[in-house]
Amino acid sequence: MKHLPNTCPVVHFNSEVMNYQPQKHEITFVLPVHFWKAEVVFQRISDSFARITVPIKCNQESRHTVSTEVLSRGVWRVLLSWTEGSSGYCSEETIEV
């Protein structure tokens, strides 16, 4: 885990934590079961105004799925952020739709 000044600790994803499945139009990822708040933000690289925020509901599951069907074709930055206890975490990936 890497700490950046004035930001949350960055957690680097691997295929076991976050998985983009273009054929299914979805991203799946694993969060701690008892997180307080989480959201996924999609931002299109070529258009800083194209931004979609998806809140993630806390439930008893650690695996979550977010649809990418509403994303237009192109390269998107995916930022997942969540809080667990008093600590905040985030991770960033780039996907091509």
PDB file of N, CA and C in Angstrom:
ATOM      1  N   MET A   1       0.848  -1.158   0.000  1.00  0.00           N
ATOM      2  CA  MET A   1       0.000   0.000   0.000  1.00  0.00           C
ATOM      3  C   MET A   1       0.901   1.231   0.000  1.00  0.00           C
ATOM      4  N   LYS A   2       0.596   2.215  -0.781  1.00  0.00           N
ATOM      5  CA  LYS A   2       1.409   3.401  -0.931  1.00  0.00           C
ATOM      6  C   LYS A   2       0.628   4.608  -0.431  1.00  0.00           C
ATOM      7  N   HIS A   3       1.217   5.434   0.403  1.00  0.00           N
ATOM      8  CA  HIS A   3       0.559   6.628   0.905  1.00  0.00           C
ATOM      9  C   HIS A   3       0.998   7.830   0.076  1.00  0.00           C
ATOM     10  N   LEU A   4       0.049   8.623  -0.388  1.00  0.00           N
ATOM     11  CA  LEU A   4       0.337   9.826  -1.139  1.00  0.00           C
ATOM     12  C   LEU A   4      -0.050  11.024  -0.291  1.00  0.00           C
ATOM     13  N   PRO A   5       0.709  12.116  -0.359  1.00  0.00           N
ATOM     14  CA  PRO A   5       0.360  13.289   0.434  1.00  0.00           C
ATOM     15  C   PRO A   5      -1.025  13.809   0.063  1.00  0.00           C
ATOM     16  N   ASN A   6      -1.820  14.167   1.066  1.00  0.00           N
ATOM     17  CA  ASN A   6      -3.143  14.772   0.875  1.00  0.00           C
ATOM     18  C   ASN A   6      -4.129  13.895   0.123  1.00  0.00           C
ATOM     19  N   THR A   7      -3.887  12.610   0.045  1.00  0.00           N
ATOM     20  CA  THR A   7      -4.827  11.703  -0.607  1.00  0.00           C
ATOM     21  C   THR A   7      -4.952  10.449   0.229  1.00  0.00           C
ATOM     22  N   CYS A   8      -5.812   9.561  -0.197  1.00  0.00           N
ATOM     23  CA  CYS A   8      -5.959   8.300   0.517  1.00  0.00           C
ATOM     24  C   CYS A   8      -4.847   7.343   0.112  1.00  0.00           C
ATOM     25  N   PRO A   9      -4.588   6.332   0.942  1.00  0.00           N
ATOM     26  CA  PRO A   9      -3.610   5.318   0.544  1.00  0.00           C
ATOM     27  C   PRO A   9      -4.067   4.637  -0.751  1.00  0.00           C
ATOM     28  N   VAL A  10      -3.143   4.394  -1.628  1.00  0.00           N
ATOM     29  CA  VAL A  10      -3.459   3.764  -2.904  1.00  0.00           C
ATOM     30  C   VAL A  10      -3.244   2.267  -2.778  1.00  0.00           C
ATOM     31  N   VAL A  11      -4.266   1.511  -3.149  1.00  0.00           N
ATOM     32  CA  VAL A  11      -4.181   0.056  -3.147  1.00  0.00           C
ATOM     33  C   VAL A  11      -4.079  -0.373  -4.599  1.00  0.00           C
ATOM     34  N   HIS A  12      -3.029  -1.070  -4.949  1.00  0.00           N
ATOM     35  CA  HIS A  12      -2.859  -1.505  -6.336  1.00  0.00           C
ATOM     36  C   HIS A  12      -3.598  -2.811  -6.553  1.00  0.00           C
ATOM     37  N   PHE A  13      -4.511  -2.783  -7.523  1.00  0.00           N
ATOM     38  CA  PHE A  13      -5.316  -3.958  -7.817  1.00  0.00           C
ATOM     39  C   PHE A  13      -4.511  -5.010  -8.563  1.00  0.00           C
ATOM     40  N   ASN A  14      -4.928  -6.228  -8.397  1.00  0.00           N
ATOM     41  CA  ASN A  14      -4.444  -7.304  -9.242  1.00  0.00           C
ATOM     42  C   ASN A  14      -5.679  -8.049  -9.723  1.00  0.00           C
ATOM     43  N   SER A  15      -5.505  -9.038 -10.542  1.00  0.00           N
ATOM     44  CA  SER A  15      -6.651  -9.710 -11.151  1.00  0.00           C
ATOM     45  C   SER A  15      -7.553 -10.397 -10.121  1.00  0.00           C
ATOM     46  N   GLU A  16      -7.038 -10.653  -8.922  1.00  0.00           N
ATOM     47  CA  GLU A  16      -7.867 -11.281  -7.900  1.00  0.00           C
ATOM     48  C   GLU A  16      -8.791 -10.276  -7.221  1.00  0.00           C
ATOM     49  N   VAL A  17      -8.501  -8.973  -7.305  1.00  0.00           N
ATOM     50  CA  VAL A  17      -9.284  -7.961  -6.618  1.00  0.00           C
ATOM     51  C   VAL A  17     -10.250  -7.262  -7.562  1.00  0.00           C
ATOM     52  N   MET A  18      -9.786  -6.826  -8.718  1.00  0.00           N
ATOM     53  CA  MET A  18     -10.627  -6.115  -9.688  1.00  0.00           C
ATOM     54  C   MET A  18     -10.482  -6.772 -11.045  1.00  0.00           C
ATOM     55  N   ASN A  19     -11.615  -6.973 -11.692  1.00  0.00           N
ATOM     56  CA  ASN A  19     -11.592  -7.661 -12.976  1.00  0.00           C
ATOM     57  C   ASN A  19     -12.575  -6.989 -13.932  1.00  0.00           C
ATOM     58  N   TYR A  20     -12.059  -6.420 -15.016  1.00  0.00           N
ATOM     59  CA  TYR A  20     -12.911  -5.832 -16.047  1.00  0.00           C
ATOM     60  C   TYR A  20     -13.238  -6.915 -17.063  1.00  0.00           C
ATOM     61  N   GLN A  21     -14.531  -7.129 -17.288  1.00  0.00           N
ATOM     62  CA  GLN A  21     -14.990  -8.148 -18.233  1.00  0.00           C
ATOM     63  C   GLN A  21     -15.753  -7.446 -19.357  1.00  0.00           C
ATOM     64  N   PRO A  22     -15.056  -7.072 -20.433  1.00  0.00           N
ATOM     65  CA  PRO A  22     -15.711  -6.317 -21.511  1.00  0.00           C
ATOM     66  C   PRO A  22     -16.861  -7.067 -22.177  1.00  0.00           C
ATOM     67  N   GLN A  23     -16.776  -8.395 -22.276  1.00  0.00           N
ATOM     68  CA  GLN A  23     -17.855  -9.169 -22.898  1.00  0.00           C
ATOM     69  C   GLN A  23     -19.149  -9.087 -22.092  1.00  0.00           C
ATOM     70  N   LYS A  24     -19.027  -8.977 -20.765  1.00  0.00           N
ATOM     71  CA  LYS A  24     -20.193  -8.901 -19.888  1.00  0.00           C
ATOM     72  C   LYS A  24     -20.571  -7.454 -19.563  1.00  0.00           C
ATOM     73  N   HIS A  25     -19.742  -6.494 -20.008  1.00  0.00           N
ATOM     74  CA  HIS A  25     -19.964  -5.071 -19.711  1.00  0.00           C
ATOM     75  C   HIS A  25     -20.035  -4.826 -18.210  1.00  0.00           C
ATOM     76  N   GLU A  26     -19.001  -5.326 -17.487  1.00  0.00           N
ATOM     77  CA  GLU A  26     -19.002  -5.137 -16.042  1.00  0.00           C
ATOM     78  C   GLU A  26     -17.596  -5.176 -15.463  1.00  0.00           C
ATOM     79  N   ILE A  27     -17.493  -4.570 -14.301  1.00  0.00           N
ATOM     80  CA  ILE A  27     -16.274  -4.626 -13.502  1.00  0.00           C
ATOM     81  C   ILE A  27     -16.663  -5.251 -12.174  1.00  0.00           C
ATOM     82  N   THR A  28     -15.891  -6.213 -11.736  1.00  0.00           N
ATOM     83  CA  THR A  28     -16.107  -6.796 -10.417  1.00  0.00           C
ATOM     84  C   THR A  28     -14.880  -6.500  -9.564  1.00  0.00           C
ATOM     85  N   PHE A  29     -15.099  -6.321  -8.277  1.00  0.00           N
ATOM     86  CA  PHE A  29     -13.999  -6.041  -7.362  1.00  0.00           C
ATOM     87  C   PHE A  29     -14.385  -6.515  -5.970  1.00  0.00           C
ATOM     88  N   VAL A  30     -13.387  -6.617  -5.123  1.00  0.00           N
ATOM     89  CA  VAL A  30     -13.577  -7.103  -3.759  1.00  0.00           C
ATOM     90  C   VAL A  30     -13.261  -5.961  -2.797  1.00  0.00           C
ATOM     91  N   LEU A  31     -14.179  -5.734  -1.860  1.00  0.00           N
ATOM     92  CA  LEU A  31     -13.984  -4.749  -0.798  1.00  0.00           C
ATOM     93  C   LEU A  31     -14.092  -5.454   0.550  1.00  0.00           C
ATOM     94  N   PRO A  32     -13.559  -4.837   1.593  1.00  0.00           N
ATOM     95  CA  PRO A  32     -13.773  -5.420   2.924  1.00  0.00           C
ATOM     96  C   PRO A  32     -15.275  -5.503   3.213  1.00  0.00           C
ATOM     97  N   VAL A  33     -15.706  -6.512   3.913  1.00  0.00           N
ATOM     98  CA  VAL A  33     -17.132  -6.714   4.182  1.00  0.00           C
ATOM     99  C   VAL A  33     -17.714  -5.544   4.977  1.00  0.00           C
ATOM    100  N   HIS A  34     -16.947  -4.953   5.858  1.00  0.00           N
ATOM    101  CA  HIS A  34     -17.474  -3.909   6.741  1.00  0.00           C
ATOM    102  C   HIS A  34     -16.981  -2.518   6.367  1.00  0.00           C
ATOM    103  N   PHE A  35     -16.974  -2.178   5.089  1.00  0.00           N
ATOM    104  CA  PHE A  35     -16.591  -0.813   4.717  1.00  0.00           C
ATOM    105  C   PHE A  35     -17.728   0.141   5.055  1.00  0.00           C
ATOM    106  N   TRP A  36     -17.401   1.421   5.248  1.00  0.00           N
ATOM    107  CA  TRP A  36     -18.410   2.426   5.604  1.00  0.00           C
ATOM    108  C   TRP A  36     -19.054   3.038   4.377  1.00  0.00           C
ATOM    109  N   LYS A  37     -18.234   3.405   3.429  1.00  0.00           N
ATOM    110  CA  LYS A  37     -18.718   4.094   2.231  1.00  0.00           C
ATOM    111  C   LYS A  37     -17.785   3.740   1.089  1.00  0.00           C
ATOM    112  N   ALA A  38     -18.371   3.570  -0.102  1.00  0.00           N
ATOM    113  CA  ALA A  38     -17.542   3.274  -1.273  1.00  0.00           C
ATOM    114  C   ALA A  38     -18.215   3.826  -2.521  1.00  0.00           C
ATOM    115  N   GLU A  39     -17.401   4.154  -3.519  1.00  0.00           N
ATOM    116  CA  GLU A  39     -17.931   4.577  -4.809  1.00  0.00           C
ATOM    117  C   GLU A  39     -16.919   4.290  -5.898  1.00  0.00           C
ATOM    118  N   VAL A  40     -17.451   4.131  -7.105  1.00  0.00           N
ATOM    119  CA  VAL A  40     -16.617   3.970  -8.293  1.00  0.00           C
ATOM    120  C   VAL A  40     -16.881   5.184  -9.179  1.00  0.00           C
ATOM    121  N   VAL A  41     -15.816   5.827  -9.619  1.00  0.00           N
ATOM    122  CA  VAL A  41     -15.937   6.971 -10.513  1.00  0.00           C
ATOM    123  C   VAL A  41     -15.285   6.601 -11.836  1.00  0.00           C
ATOM    124  N   PHE A  42     -16.054   6.718 -12.914  1.00  0.00           N
ATOM    125  CA  PHE A  42     -15.545   6.504 -14.270  1.00  0.00           C
ATOM    126  C   PHE A  42     -15.327   7.884 -14.892  1.00  0.00           C
ATOM    127  N   GLN A  43     -14.133   8.146 -15.388  1.00  0.00           N
ATOM    128  CA  GLN A  43     -13.871   9.408 -16.065  1.00  0.00           C
ATOM    129  C   GLN A  43     -13.199   9.104 -17.396  1.00  0.00           C
ATOM    130  N   ARG A  44     -13.825   9.596 -18.468  1.00  0.00           N
ATOM    131  CA  ARG A  44     -13.281   9.352 -19.800  1.00  0.00           C
ATOM    132  C   ARG A  44     -12.014  10.185 -19.978  1.00  0.00           C
ATOM    133  N   ILE A  45     -10.955   9.548 -20.427  1.00  0.00           N
ATOM    134  CA  ILE A  45      -9.655  10.203 -20.564  1.00  0.00           C
ATOM    135  C   ILE A  45      -9.725  11.364 -21.555  1.00  0.00           C
ATOM    136  N   SER A  46     -10.426  11.193 -22.667  1.00  0.00           N
ATOM    137  CA  SER A  46     -10.459  12.219 -23.717  1.00  0.00           C
ATOM    138  C   SER A  46     -11.466  13.331 -23.448  1.00  0.00           C
ATOM    139  N   ASP A  47     -12.254  13.228 -22.382  1.00  0.00           N
ATOM    140  CA  ASP A  47     -13.287  14.220 -22.095  1.00  0.00           C
ATOM    141  C   ASP A  47     -13.454  14.332 -20.579  1.00  0.00           C
ATOM    142  N   SER A  48     -12.834  15.348 -19.979  1.00  0.00           N
ATOM    143  CA  SER A  48     -12.856  15.473 -18.525  1.00  0.00           C
ATOM    144  C   SER A  48     -14.257  15.709 -17.968  1.00  0.00           C
ATOM    145  N   PHE A  49     -15.221  16.104 -18.829  1.00  0.00           N
ATOM    146  CA  PHE A  49     -16.591  16.319 -18.378  1.00  0.00           C
ATOM    147  C   PHE A  49     -17.409  15.027 -18.360  1.00  0.00           C
ATOM    148  N   ALA A  50     -16.917  13.993 -19.043  1.00  0.00           N
ATOM    149  CA  ALA A  50     -17.616  12.701 -19.055  1.00  0.00           C
ATOM    150  C   ALA A  50     -17.221  11.959 -17.790  1.00  0.00           C
ATOM    151  N   ARG A  51     -18.079  12.072 -16.787  1.00  0.00           N
ATOM    152  CA  ARG A  51     -17.786  11.494 -15.477  1.00  0.00           C
ATOM    153  C   ARG A  51     -19.052  10.848 -14.931  1.00  0.00           C
ATOM    154  N   ILE A  52     -18.925   9.607 -14.480  1.00  0.00           N
ATOM    155  CA  ILE A  52     -20.057   8.867 -13.919  1.00  0.00           C
ATOM    156  C   ILE A  52     -19.637   8.329 -12.556  1.00  0.00           C
ATOM    157  N   THR A  53     -20.448   8.626 -11.538  1.00  0.00           N
ATOM    158  CA  THR A  53     -20.173   8.154 -10.185  1.00  0.00           C
ATOM    159  C   THR A  53     -21.225   7.133  -9.784  1.00  0.00           C
ATOM    160  N   VAL A  54     -20.758   5.989  -9.297  1.00  0.00           N
ATOM    161  CA  VAL A  54     -21.653   4.908  -8.876  1.00  0.00           C
ATOM    162  C   VAL A  54     -21.391   4.605  -7.402  1.00  0.00           C
ATOM    163  N   PRO A  55     -22.361   4.922  -6.519  1.00  0.00           N
ATOM    164  CA  PRO A  55     -22.180   4.559  -5.110  1.00  0.00           C
ATOM    165  C   PRO A  55     -22.306   3.043  -4.932  1.00  0.00           C
ATOM    166  N   ILE A  56     -21.534   2.505  -4.022  1.00  0.00           N
ATOM    167  CA  ILE A  56     -21.557   1.070  -3.738  1.00  0.00           C
ATOM    168  C   ILE A  56     -22.222   0.866  -2.381  1.00  0.00           C
ATOM    169  N   LYS A  57     -23.235   0.029  -2.355  1.00  0.00           N
ATOM    170  CA  LYS A  57     -23.965  -0.229  -1.113  1.00  0.00           C
ATOM    171  C   LYS A  57     -23.259  -1.307  -0.298  1.00  0.00           C
ATOM    172  N   CYS A  58     -23.165  -1.050   0.987  1.00  0.00           N
ATOM    173  CA  CYS A  58     -22.583  -2.021   1.900  1.00  0.00           C
ATOM    174  C   CYS A  58     -23.579  -3.161   2.111  1.00  0.00           C
ATOM    175  N   ASN A  59     -23.106  -4.378   1.958  1.00  0.00           N
ATOM    176  CA  ASN A  59     -23.935  -5.553   2.225  1.00  0.00           C
ATOM    177  C   ASN A  59     -23.049  -6.628   2.827  1.00  0.00           C
ATOM    178  N   GLN A  60     -23.512  -7.815   2.926  1.00  0.00           N
ATOM    179  CA  GLN A  60     -22.742  -8.890   3.548  1.00  0.00           C
ATOM    180  C   GLN A  60     -21.769  -9.567   2.583  1.00  0.00           C
ATOM    181  N   GLU A  61     -21.714  -9.087   1.357  1.00  0.00           N
ATOM    182  CA  GLU A  61     -20.827  -9.673   0.346  1.00  0.00           C
ATOM    183  C   GLU A  61     -19.563  -8.832   0.204  1.00  0.00           C
ATOM    184  N   SER A  62     -18.446  -9.457  -0.090  1.00  0.00           N
ATOM    185  CA  SER A  62     -17.218  -8.706  -0.339  1.00  0.00           C
ATOM    186  C   SER A  62     -17.037  -8.416  -1.832  1.00  0.00           C
ATOM    187  N   ARG A  63     -17.663  -9.230  -2.688  1.00  0.00           N
ATOM    188  CA  ARG A  63     -17.544  -9.037  -4.134  1.00  0.00           C
ATOM    189  C   ARG A  63     -18.692  -8.153  -4.621  1.00  0.00           C
ATOM    190  N   HIS A  64     -18.338  -7.152  -5.425  1.00  0.00           N
ATOM    191  CA  HIS A  64     -19.318  -6.209  -5.965  1.00  0.00           C
ATOM    192  C   HIS A  64     -19.147  -6.130  -7.475  1.00  0.00           C
ATOM    193  N   THR A  65     -20.246  -5.846  -8.175  1.00  0.00           N
ATOM    194  CA  THR A  65     -20.229  -5.748  -9.633  1.00  0.00           C
ATOM    195  C   THR A  65     -20.856  -4.427 -10.047  1.00  0.00           C
ATOM    196  N   VAL A  66     -20.193  -3.738 -10.981  1.00  0.00           N
ATOM    197  CA  VAL A  66     -20.705  -2.481 -11.527  1.00  0.00           C
ATOM    198  C   VAL A  66     -20.776  -2.634 -13.040  1.00  0.00           C
ATOM    199  N   SER A  67     -21.912  -2.276 -13.607  1.00  0.00           N
ATOM    200  CA  SER A  67     -22.099  -2.355 -15.056  1.00  0.00           C
ATOM    201  C   SER A  67     -21.323  -1.239 -15.760  1.00  0.00           C
ATOM    202  N   THR A  68     -20.788  -1.566 -16.936  1.00  0.00           N
ATOM    203  CA  THR A  68     -20.115  -0.563 -17.767  1.00  0.00           C
ATOM    204  C   THR A  68     -20.904  -0.293 -19.050  1.00  0.00           C
ATOM    205  N   GLU A  69     -22.150  -0.769 -19.119  1.00  0.00           N
ATOM    206  CA  GLU A  69     -22.951  -0.617 -20.334  1.00  0.00           C
ATOM    207  C   GLU A  69     -23.203   0.834 -20.717  1.00  0.00           C
ATOM    208  N   VAL A  70     -23.267   1.736 -19.743  1.00  0.00           N
ATOM    209  CA  VAL A  70     -23.568   3.143 -20.047  1.00  0.00           C
ATOM    210  C   VAL A  70     -22.342   3.909 -20.544  1.00  0.00           C
ATOM    211  N   LEU A  71     -21.166   3.302 -20.480  1.00  0.00           N
ATOM    212  CA  LEU A  71     -19.950   3.979 -20.918  1.00  0.00           C
ATOM    213  C   LEU A  71     -19.841   3.950 -22.435  1.00  0.00           C
ATOM    214  N   SER A  72     -19.548   5.104 -23.024  1.00  0.00           N
ATOM    215  CA  SER A  72     -19.325   5.145 -24.468  1.00  0.00           C
ATOM    216  C   SER A  72     -17.937   4.587 -24.773  1.00  0.00           C
ATOM    217  N   ARG A  73     -17.719   4.264 -26.028  1.00  0.00           N
ATOM    218  CA  ARG A  73     -16.438   3.683 -26.436  1.00  0.00           C
ATOM    219  C   ARG A  73     -15.309   4.655 -26.140  1.00  0.00           C
ATOM    220  N   GLY A  74     -14.205   4.104 -25.706  1.00  0.00           N
ATOM    221  CA  GLY A  74     -13.039   4.930 -25.417  1.00  0.00           C
ATOM    222  C   GLY A  74     -12.276   4.406 -24.219  1.00  0.00           C
ATOM    223  N   VAL A  75     -11.312   5.202 -23.781  1.00  0.00           N
ATOM    224  CA  VAL A  75     -10.475   4.846 -22.640  1.00  0.00           C
ATOM    225  C   VAL A  75     -11.000   5.596 -21.416  1.00  0.00           C
ATOM    226  N   TRP A  76     -11.210   4.862 -20.335  1.00  0.00           N
ATOM    227  CA  TRP A  76     -11.775   5.406 -19.116  1.00  0.00           C
ATOM    228  C   TRP A  76     -10.848   5.160 -17.930  1.00  0.00           C
ATOM    229  N   ARG A  77     -10.754   6.142 -17.069  1.00  0.00           N
ATOM    230  CA  ARG A  77     -10.070   6.004 -15.785  1.00  0.00           C
ATOM    231  C   ARG A  77     -11.131   5.527 -14.791  1.00  0.00           C
ATOM    232  N   VAL A  78     -10.815   4.496 -14.023  1.00  0.00           N
ATOM    233  CA  VAL A  78     -11.737   3.948 -13.030  1.00  0.00           C
ATOM    234  C   VAL A  78     -11.101   4.149 -11.659  1.00  0.00           C
ATOM    235  N   LEU A  79     -11.774   4.937 -10.815  1.00  0.00           N
ATOM    236  CA  LEU A  79     -11.277   5.201  -9.477  1.00  0.00           C
ATOM    237  C   LEU A  79     -12.253   4.591  -8.474  1.00  0.00           C
ATOM    238  N   LEU A  80     -11.771   3.644  -7.699  1.00  0.00           N
ATOM    239  CA  LEU A  80     -12.550   3.019  -6.640  1.00  0.00           C
ATOM    240  C   LEU A  80     -12.038   3.582  -5.320  1.00  0.00           C
ATOM    241  N   SER A  81     -12.937   4.147  -4.518  1.00  0.00           N
ATOM    242  CA  SER A  81     -12.532   4.655  -3.204  1.00  0.00           C
ATOM    243  C   SER A  81     -13.492   4.125  -2.152  1.00  0.00           C
ATOM    244  N   TRP A  82     -12.959   3.877  -0.956  1.00  0.00           N
ATOM    245  CA  TRP A  82     -13.780   3.367   0.130  1.00  0.00           C
ATOM    246  C   TRP A  82     -13.159   3.726   1.470  1.00  0.00           C
ATOM    247  N   THR A  83     -13.995   3.698   2.504  1.00  0.00           N
ATOM    248  CA  THR A  83     -13.515   3.908   3.860  1.00  0.00           C
ATOM    249  C   THR A  83     -13.797   2.658   4.678  1.00  0.00           C
ATOM    250  N   GLU A  84     -12.862   2.357   5.511  1.00  0.00           N
ATOM    251  CA  GLU A  84     -12.986   1.226   6.432  1.00  0.00           C
ATOM    252  C   GLU A  84     -12.515   1.729   7.790  1.00  0.00           C
ATOM    253  N   GLY A  85     -13.434   1.795   8.746  1.00  0.00           N
ATOM    254  CA  GLY A  85     -13.107   2.421  10.024  1.00  0.00           C
ATOM    255  C   GLY A  85     -12.837   3.896   9.800  1.00  0.00           C
ATOM    256  N   SER A  86     -11.729   4.385  10.297  1.00  0.00           N
ATOM    257  CA  SER A  86     -11.385   5.796  10.106  1.00  0.00           C
ATOM    258  C   SER A  86     -10.386   6.002   8.971  1.00  0.00           C
ATOM    259  N   SER A  87     -10.089   4.956   8.216  1.00  0.00           N
ATOM    260  CA  SER A  87      -9.110   5.043   7.130  1.00  0.00           C
ATOM    261  C   SER A  87      -9.790   5.049   5.771  1.00  0.00           C
ATOM    262  N   GLY A  88      -9.249   5.850   4.856  1.00  0.00           N
ATOM    263  CA  GLY A  88      -9.746   5.887   3.489  1.00  0.00           C
ATOM    264  C   GLY A  88      -8.746   5.251   2.546  1.00  0.00           C
ATOM    265  N   TYR A  89      -9.252   4.589   1.506  1.00  0.00           N
ATOM    266  CA  TYR A  89      -8.415   3.907   0.527  1.00  0.00           C
ATOM    267  C   TYR A  89      -8.940   4.198  -0.873  1.00  0.00           C
ATOM    268  N   CYS A  90      -8.057   4.082  -1.852  1.00  0.00           N
ATOM    269  CA  CYS A  90      -8.504   4.229  -3.238  1.00  0.00           C
ATOM    270  C   CYS A  90      -7.582   3.439  -4.152  1.00  0.00           C
ATOM    271  N   SER A  91      -8.096   3.168  -5.326  1.00  0.00           N
ATOM    272  CA  SER A  91      -7.314   2.490  -6.344  1.00  0.00           C
ATOM    273  C   SER A  91      -7.765   2.982  -7.695  1.00  0.00           C
ATOM    274  N   GLU A  92      -6.867   2.982  -8.625  1.00  0.00           N
ATOM    275  CA  GLU A  92      -7.164   3.502  -9.957  1.00  0.00           C
ATOM    276  C   GLU A  92      -6.708   2.519 -11.024  1.00  0.00           C
ATOM    277  N   GLU A  93      -7.517   2.342 -12.027  1.00  0.00           N
ATOM    278  CA  GLU A  93      -7.208   1.500 -13.173  1.00  0.00           C
ATOM    279  C   GLU A  93      -7.646   2.230 -14.438  1.00  0.00           C
ATOM    280  N   THR A  94      -7.144   1.821 -15.559  1.00  0.00           N
ATOM    281  CA  THR A  94      -7.574   2.333 -16.858  1.00  0.00           C
ATOM    282  C   THR A  94      -8.138   1.170 -17.660  1.00  0.00           C
ATOM    283  N   ILE A  95      -9.323   1.404 -18.240  1.00  0.00           N
ATOM    284  CA  ILE A  95      -9.952   0.363 -19.064  1.00  0.00           C
ATOM    285  C   ILE A  95     -10.285   0.941 -20.422  1.00  0.00           C
ATOM    286  N   GLU A  96     -10.398   0.082 -21.414  1.00  0.00           N
ATOM    287  CA  GLU A  96     -10.851   0.512 -22.746  1.00  0.00           C
ATOM    288  C   GLU A  96     -12.163  -0.188 -23.068  1.00  0.00           C
ATOM    289  N   VAL A  97     -13.185   0.631 -23.321  1.00  0.00           N
ATOM    290  CA  VAL A  97     -14.524   0.120 -23.621  1.00  0.00           C
ATOM    291  C   VAL A  97     -14.681   0.054 -25.117  1.00  0.00           C
TER     292      VAL A  97
END
